[in-house]
């Protein structure tokens, strides 16, 4: 899929960039908590279809592509939240002239807590 630079009206979605932290519980396990680091405007697109390799269907983990303006702190957050759902970021790709955009390949995890 070729990169298409977002137009002025394409950044309609407001997404939260999240960091997951794990804290020990009394029972010896770990409890997840999410901290919002920033809220940004984005273009969100769903991925559809399947991929066949030598006649066998492959499993694709990425379910959406999110385009945001480039940020330097991409290692700080690995989860995003949009419309009450949480997504795990699998890949961050720099795009556009002078790398001013980033495309996030994300996997839907379900409803946010």
N, C-alpha and C. Protein backbone atom coordinates (compact mmCIF):
# COMPACT_ATOMS: atom_id res chain seq x y z
N UNK A 1 0.85 -1.16 0.00
CA UNK A 1 0.00 0.00 0.00
C UNK A 1 0.90 1.23 0.00
N UNK A 2 0.73 2.07 -1.00
CA UNK A 2 1.54 3.28 -1.13
C UNK A 2 1.06 4.34 -0.14
N UNK A 3 2.01 5.13 0.34
CA UNK A 3 1.67 6.18 1.28
C UNK A 3 1.04 7.36 0.55
N UNK A 4 -0.08 7.85 1.09
CA UNK A 4 -0.76 9.03 0.55
C UNK A 4 -0.71 10.09 1.65
N UNK A 5 -0.12 11.24 1.33
CA UNK A 5 -0.02 12.32 2.31
C UNK A 5 -1.41 12.78 2.73
N UNK A 6 -1.68 12.88 4.04
CA UNK A 6 -3.00 13.33 4.49
C UNK A 6 -3.27 14.77 4.07
N UNK A 7 -4.51 15.02 3.66
CA UNK A 7 -4.93 16.38 3.33
C UNK A 7 -5.29 17.13 4.61
N UNK A 8 -5.69 18.37 4.43
CA UNK A 8 -6.01 19.23 5.58
C UNK A 8 -7.15 18.67 6.41
N UNK A 9 -8.13 18.03 5.79
CA UNK A 9 -9.28 17.52 6.54
C UNK A 9 -9.20 16.05 6.89
N UNK A 10 -8.08 15.40 6.62
CA UNK A 10 -7.97 13.96 6.87
C UNK A 10 -7.66 13.60 8.32
N UNK A 11 -7.10 14.52 9.08
CA UNK A 11 -6.72 14.22 10.47
C UNK A 11 -7.92 14.49 11.38
N UNK A 12 -8.96 13.67 11.25
CA UNK A 12 -10.22 13.89 11.97
C UNK A 12 -10.26 13.21 13.33
N UNK A 13 -9.53 12.14 13.50
CA UNK A 13 -9.59 11.35 14.73
C UNK A 13 -8.66 11.94 15.79
N UNK A 14 -9.09 11.88 17.04
CA UNK A 14 -8.23 12.25 18.17
C UNK A 14 -7.87 10.96 18.88
N UNK A 15 -6.59 10.63 18.90
CA UNK A 15 -6.15 9.40 19.54
C UNK A 15 -5.24 9.74 20.72
N UNK A 16 -5.28 8.87 21.71
CA UNK A 16 -4.42 9.01 22.89
C UNK A 16 -3.24 8.06 22.75
N UNK A 17 -2.04 8.56 22.95
CA UNK A 17 -0.83 7.73 22.95
C UNK A 17 -0.58 7.28 24.38
N UNK A 18 -0.51 5.97 24.58
CA UNK A 18 -0.46 5.40 25.93
C UNK A 18 0.84 4.66 26.20
N UNK A 19 1.22 4.65 27.47
CA UNK A 19 2.32 3.83 27.96
C UNK A 19 1.74 2.83 28.95
N UNK A 20 2.11 1.57 28.82
CA UNK A 20 1.65 0.54 29.75
C UNK A 20 2.69 0.33 30.83
N UNK A 21 2.24 0.31 32.07
CA UNK A 21 3.12 -0.02 33.19
C UNK A 21 2.52 -1.19 33.94
N UNK A 22 3.37 -2.02 34.49
CA UNK A 22 2.92 -3.18 35.24
C UNK A 22 3.40 -3.05 36.68
N UNK A 23 2.47 -3.26 37.61
CA UNK A 23 2.80 -3.17 39.04
C UNK A 23 2.46 -4.52 39.69
N UNK A 24 3.26 -4.96 40.64
CA UNK A 24 2.98 -6.23 41.32
C UNK A 24 1.70 -6.15 42.15
N UNK A 25 0.97 -7.25 42.17
CA UNK A 25 -0.25 -7.34 42.98
C UNK A 25 0.02 -8.16 44.23
N UNK A 26 -0.93 -8.16 45.15
CA UNK A 26 -0.77 -8.91 46.40
C UNK A 26 -0.70 -10.41 46.15
N UNK A 27 -1.33 -10.88 45.09
CA UNK A 27 -1.34 -12.31 44.78
C UNK A 27 -0.11 -12.78 44.03
N UNK A 28 0.85 -11.91 43.78
CA UNK A 28 2.07 -12.31 43.10
C UNK A 28 2.04 -12.09 41.60
N UNK A 29 0.94 -11.58 41.06
CA UNK A 29 0.85 -11.31 39.62
C UNK A 29 1.20 -9.87 39.30
N UNK A 30 0.87 -9.49 38.10
CA UNK A 30 1.12 -8.12 37.65
C UNK A 30 -0.19 -7.51 37.18
N UNK A 31 -0.41 -6.26 37.52
CA UNK A 31 -1.59 -5.51 37.09
C UNK A 31 -1.15 -4.45 36.08
N UNK A 32 -1.84 -4.41 34.95
CA UNK A 32 -1.54 -3.42 33.91
C UNK A 32 -2.26 -2.11 34.20
N UNK A 33 -1.56 -1.01 33.97
CA UNK A 33 -2.20 0.30 34.00
C UNK A 33 -1.65 1.10 32.82
N UNK A 34 -2.46 1.99 32.30
CA UNK A 34 -2.11 2.77 31.12
C UNK A 34 -2.11 4.25 31.45
N UNK A 35 -1.05 4.94 31.03
CA UNK A 35 -0.91 6.37 31.25
C UNK A 35 -0.95 7.08 29.90
N UNK A 36 -1.78 8.10 29.77
CA UNK A 36 -1.85 8.88 28.54
C UNK A 36 -0.69 9.86 28.50
N UNK A 37 0.15 9.75 27.48
CA UNK A 37 1.29 10.63 27.32
C UNK A 37 0.95 11.85 26.49
N UNK A 38 0.07 11.66 25.51
CA UNK A 38 -0.30 12.76 24.63
C UNK A 38 -1.57 12.41 23.88
N UNK A 39 -2.29 13.42 23.43
CA UNK A 39 -3.45 13.24 22.56
C UNK A 39 -3.16 13.99 21.27
N UNK A 40 -3.28 13.30 20.13
CA UNK A 40 -2.92 13.88 18.84
C UNK A 40 -4.04 13.66 17.82
N UNK A 41 -4.00 14.44 16.76
CA UNK A 41 -4.91 14.26 15.63
C UNK A 41 -4.32 13.21 14.70
N UNK A 42 -5.19 12.39 14.09
CA UNK A 42 -4.70 11.30 13.26
C UNK A 42 -5.70 10.95 12.17
N UNK A 43 -5.20 10.23 11.18
CA UNK A 43 -6.05 9.60 10.16
C UNK A 43 -6.04 8.11 10.48
N UNK A 44 -7.22 7.51 10.62
CA UNK A 44 -7.34 6.09 10.95
C UNK A 44 -8.01 5.38 9.78
N UNK A 45 -7.37 4.31 9.29
CA UNK A 45 -7.92 3.51 8.20
C UNK A 45 -7.92 2.05 8.60
N UNK A 46 -8.98 1.35 8.27
CA UNK A 46 -9.06 -0.09 8.53
C UNK A 46 -8.37 -0.85 7.41
N UNK A 47 -7.78 -1.97 7.76
CA UNK A 47 -7.18 -2.86 6.77
C UNK A 47 -8.17 -3.98 6.50
N UNK A 48 -8.42 -4.25 5.25
CA UNK A 48 -9.34 -5.32 4.87
C UNK A 48 -8.63 -6.30 3.96
N UNK A 49 -9.22 -7.47 3.85
CA UNK A 49 -8.70 -8.47 2.92
C UNK A 49 -7.77 -9.45 3.60
N UNK A 50 -7.33 -10.41 2.82
CA UNK A 50 -6.42 -11.44 3.31
C UNK A 50 -5.24 -11.53 2.36
N UNK A 51 -4.20 -12.17 2.82
CA UNK A 51 -3.01 -12.35 2.01
C UNK A 51 -2.79 -13.85 1.82
N UNK A 52 -2.49 -14.25 0.58
CA UNK A 52 -2.20 -15.64 0.29
C UNK A 52 -0.74 -15.77 -0.09
N UNK A 53 -0.07 -16.72 0.54
CA UNK A 53 1.32 -17.01 0.21
C UNK A 53 1.36 -18.47 -0.19
N UNK A 54 1.72 -18.73 -1.45
CA UNK A 54 1.76 -20.08 -2.01
C UNK A 54 0.46 -20.83 -1.74
N UNK A 55 -0.66 -20.14 -1.92
CA UNK A 55 -1.97 -20.78 -1.81
C UNK A 55 -2.50 -20.93 -0.40
N UNK A 56 -1.74 -20.53 0.62
CA UNK A 56 -2.19 -20.64 2.01
C UNK A 56 -2.43 -19.25 2.57
N UNK A 57 -3.56 -19.08 3.28
CA UNK A 57 -3.88 -17.78 3.87
C UNK A 57 -2.97 -17.53 5.07
N UNK A 58 -2.43 -16.33 5.15
CA UNK A 58 -1.57 -15.96 6.27
C UNK A 58 -2.39 -15.19 7.30
N UNK A 59 -1.90 -15.14 8.50
CA UNK A 59 -2.56 -14.38 9.57
C UNK A 59 -1.92 -13.01 9.65
N UNK A 60 -2.73 -11.98 9.53
CA UNK A 60 -2.26 -10.61 9.64
C UNK A 60 -2.67 -10.08 11.00
N UNK A 61 -1.72 -9.59 11.77
CA UNK A 61 -2.05 -9.07 13.10
C UNK A 61 -2.51 -7.63 13.04
N UNK A 62 -2.00 -6.84 12.12
CA UNK A 62 -2.39 -5.44 12.04
C UNK A 62 -3.81 -5.33 11.50
N UNK A 63 -4.64 -4.53 12.18
CA UNK A 63 -6.03 -4.35 11.76
C UNK A 63 -6.31 -2.94 11.28
N UNK A 64 -5.46 -1.96 11.64
CA UNK A 64 -5.67 -0.57 11.26
C UNK A 64 -4.32 0.09 10.95
N UNK A 65 -4.37 1.15 10.16
CA UNK A 65 -3.21 2.01 9.91
C UNK A 65 -3.57 3.40 10.42
N UNK A 66 -2.74 3.94 11.30
CA UNK A 66 -2.96 5.26 11.86
C UNK A 66 -1.82 6.16 11.41
N UNK A 67 -2.17 7.31 10.82
CA UNK A 67 -1.18 8.27 10.35
C UNK A 67 -1.19 9.48 11.26
N UNK A 68 -0.01 9.84 11.80
CA UNK A 68 0.12 11.01 12.66
C UNK A 68 1.33 11.83 12.19
N UNK A 69 1.43 13.05 12.68
CA UNK A 69 2.64 13.84 12.42
C UNK A 69 3.80 13.18 13.17
N UNK A 70 4.98 13.26 12.60
CA UNK A 70 6.15 12.58 13.18
C UNK A 70 6.44 13.08 14.59
N UNK A 71 6.79 12.13 15.44
CA UNK A 71 7.13 12.42 16.84
C UNK A 71 8.47 11.75 17.15
N UNK A 72 9.22 12.35 18.06
CA UNK A 72 10.53 11.80 18.44
C UNK A 72 10.41 10.76 19.54
N UNK A 73 9.28 10.72 20.25
CA UNK A 73 9.16 9.85 21.42
C UNK A 73 8.41 8.55 21.13
N UNK A 74 8.64 7.96 19.97
CA UNK A 74 7.87 6.76 19.60
C UNK A 74 8.19 5.55 20.48
N UNK A 75 9.33 5.52 21.13
CA UNK A 75 9.65 4.39 22.00
C UNK A 75 8.94 4.49 23.35
N UNK A 76 8.47 5.67 23.71
CA UNK A 76 7.84 5.86 25.02
C UNK A 76 6.44 5.25 25.08
N UNK A 77 5.74 5.21 23.97
CA UNK A 77 4.38 4.69 23.97
C UNK A 77 4.27 3.57 22.95
N UNK A 78 3.49 2.56 23.27
CA UNK A 78 3.29 1.42 22.37
C UNK A 78 1.83 1.02 22.25
N UNK A 79 0.96 1.85 22.80
CA UNK A 79 -0.48 1.59 22.73
C UNK A 79 -1.18 2.89 22.37
N UNK A 80 -2.29 2.79 21.67
CA UNK A 80 -3.11 3.96 21.37
C UNK A 80 -4.56 3.63 21.73
N UNK A 81 -5.31 4.68 22.01
CA UNK A 81 -6.72 4.51 22.33
C UNK A 81 -7.51 5.45 21.43
N UNK A 82 -8.58 4.90 20.83
CA UNK A 82 -9.40 5.68 19.91
C UNK A 82 -10.82 5.13 19.95
N UNK A 83 -11.78 6.01 20.13
CA UNK A 83 -13.21 5.66 20.15
C UNK A 83 -13.51 4.55 21.16
N UNK A 84 -12.89 4.61 22.33
CA UNK A 84 -13.17 3.63 23.38
C UNK A 84 -12.52 2.28 23.19
N UNK A 85 -11.65 2.14 22.20
CA UNK A 85 -10.95 0.86 21.97
C UNK A 85 -9.45 1.09 22.10
N UNK A 86 -8.75 0.03 22.51
CA UNK A 86 -7.30 0.09 22.69
C UNK A 86 -6.64 -0.71 21.58
N UNK A 87 -5.50 -0.20 21.10
CA UNK A 87 -4.75 -0.84 20.02
C UNK A 87 -3.28 -0.95 20.42
N UNK A 88 -2.64 -2.06 20.00
CA UNK A 88 -1.20 -2.25 20.23
C UNK A 88 -0.46 -1.86 18.96
N UNK A 89 0.58 -1.05 19.09
CA UNK A 89 1.38 -0.61 17.95
C UNK A 89 2.41 -1.70 17.65
N UNK A 90 2.40 -2.19 16.40
CA UNK A 90 3.38 -3.20 15.99
C UNK A 90 4.55 -2.58 15.24
N UNK A 91 4.27 -1.62 14.37
CA UNK A 91 5.31 -1.03 13.54
C UNK A 91 5.08 0.47 13.42
N UNK A 92 6.17 1.23 13.46
CA UNK A 92 6.12 2.67 13.21
C UNK A 92 7.00 2.93 11.99
N UNK A 93 6.40 3.48 10.93
CA UNK A 93 7.14 3.74 9.69
C UNK A 93 7.16 5.24 9.42
N UNK A 94 8.35 5.79 9.14
CA UNK A 94 8.47 7.20 8.75
C UNK A 94 8.08 7.32 7.29
N UNK A 95 7.27 8.35 6.98
CA UNK A 95 6.75 8.52 5.63
C UNK A 95 6.82 9.98 5.22
N UNK A 96 6.67 10.21 3.93
CA UNK A 96 6.58 11.56 3.40
C UNK A 96 7.94 12.20 3.21
N UNK A 97 7.92 13.38 2.56
CA UNK A 97 9.15 14.15 2.38
C UNK A 97 9.68 14.58 3.74
N UNK A 98 10.97 14.43 3.93
CA UNK A 98 11.65 14.79 5.20
C UNK A 98 11.06 14.04 6.40
N UNK A 99 10.39 12.93 6.16
CA UNK A 99 9.85 12.07 7.22
C UNK A 99 8.97 12.84 8.20
N UNK A 100 8.05 13.67 7.69
CA UNK A 100 7.19 14.45 8.59
C UNK A 100 5.96 13.68 9.06
N UNK A 101 5.73 12.48 8.55
CA UNK A 101 4.59 11.66 8.95
C UNK A 101 5.06 10.32 9.47
N UNK A 102 4.25 9.71 10.34
CA UNK A 102 4.51 8.35 10.79
C UNK A 102 3.23 7.54 10.60
N UNK A 103 3.39 6.33 10.06
CA UNK A 103 2.28 5.41 9.94
C UNK A 103 2.46 4.32 10.99
N UNK A 104 1.43 4.11 11.78
CA UNK A 104 1.45 3.09 12.82
C UNK A 104 0.61 1.92 12.37
N UNK A 105 1.21 0.74 12.32
CA UNK A 105 0.45 -0.48 12.04
C UNK A 105 0.02 -1.01 13.41
N UNK A 106 -1.30 -1.05 13.65
CA UNK A 106 -1.81 -1.38 14.98
C UNK A 106 -2.76 -2.57 14.92
N UNK A 107 -2.87 -3.25 16.05
CA UNK A 107 -3.76 -4.39 16.22
C UNK A 107 -4.82 -4.03 17.27
N UNK A 108 -6.08 -4.24 16.93
CA UNK A 108 -7.17 -3.97 17.85
C UNK A 108 -7.13 -4.97 19.00
N UNK A 109 -7.20 -4.46 20.24
CA UNK A 109 -7.17 -5.32 21.42
C UNK A 109 -8.55 -5.42 22.07
N UNK A 110 -9.48 -4.59 21.67
CA UNK A 110 -10.81 -4.59 22.28
C UNK A 110 -11.07 -3.30 23.02
N UNK A 111 -12.11 -3.32 23.80
CA UNK A 111 -12.53 -2.11 24.53
C UNK A 111 -11.52 -1.74 25.60
N UNK A 112 -11.36 -0.43 25.78
CA UNK A 112 -10.47 0.07 26.83
C UNK A 112 -11.16 -0.09 28.19
N UNK A 113 -10.35 -0.20 29.22
CA UNK A 113 -10.90 -0.37 30.57
C UNK A 113 -11.61 0.85 31.05
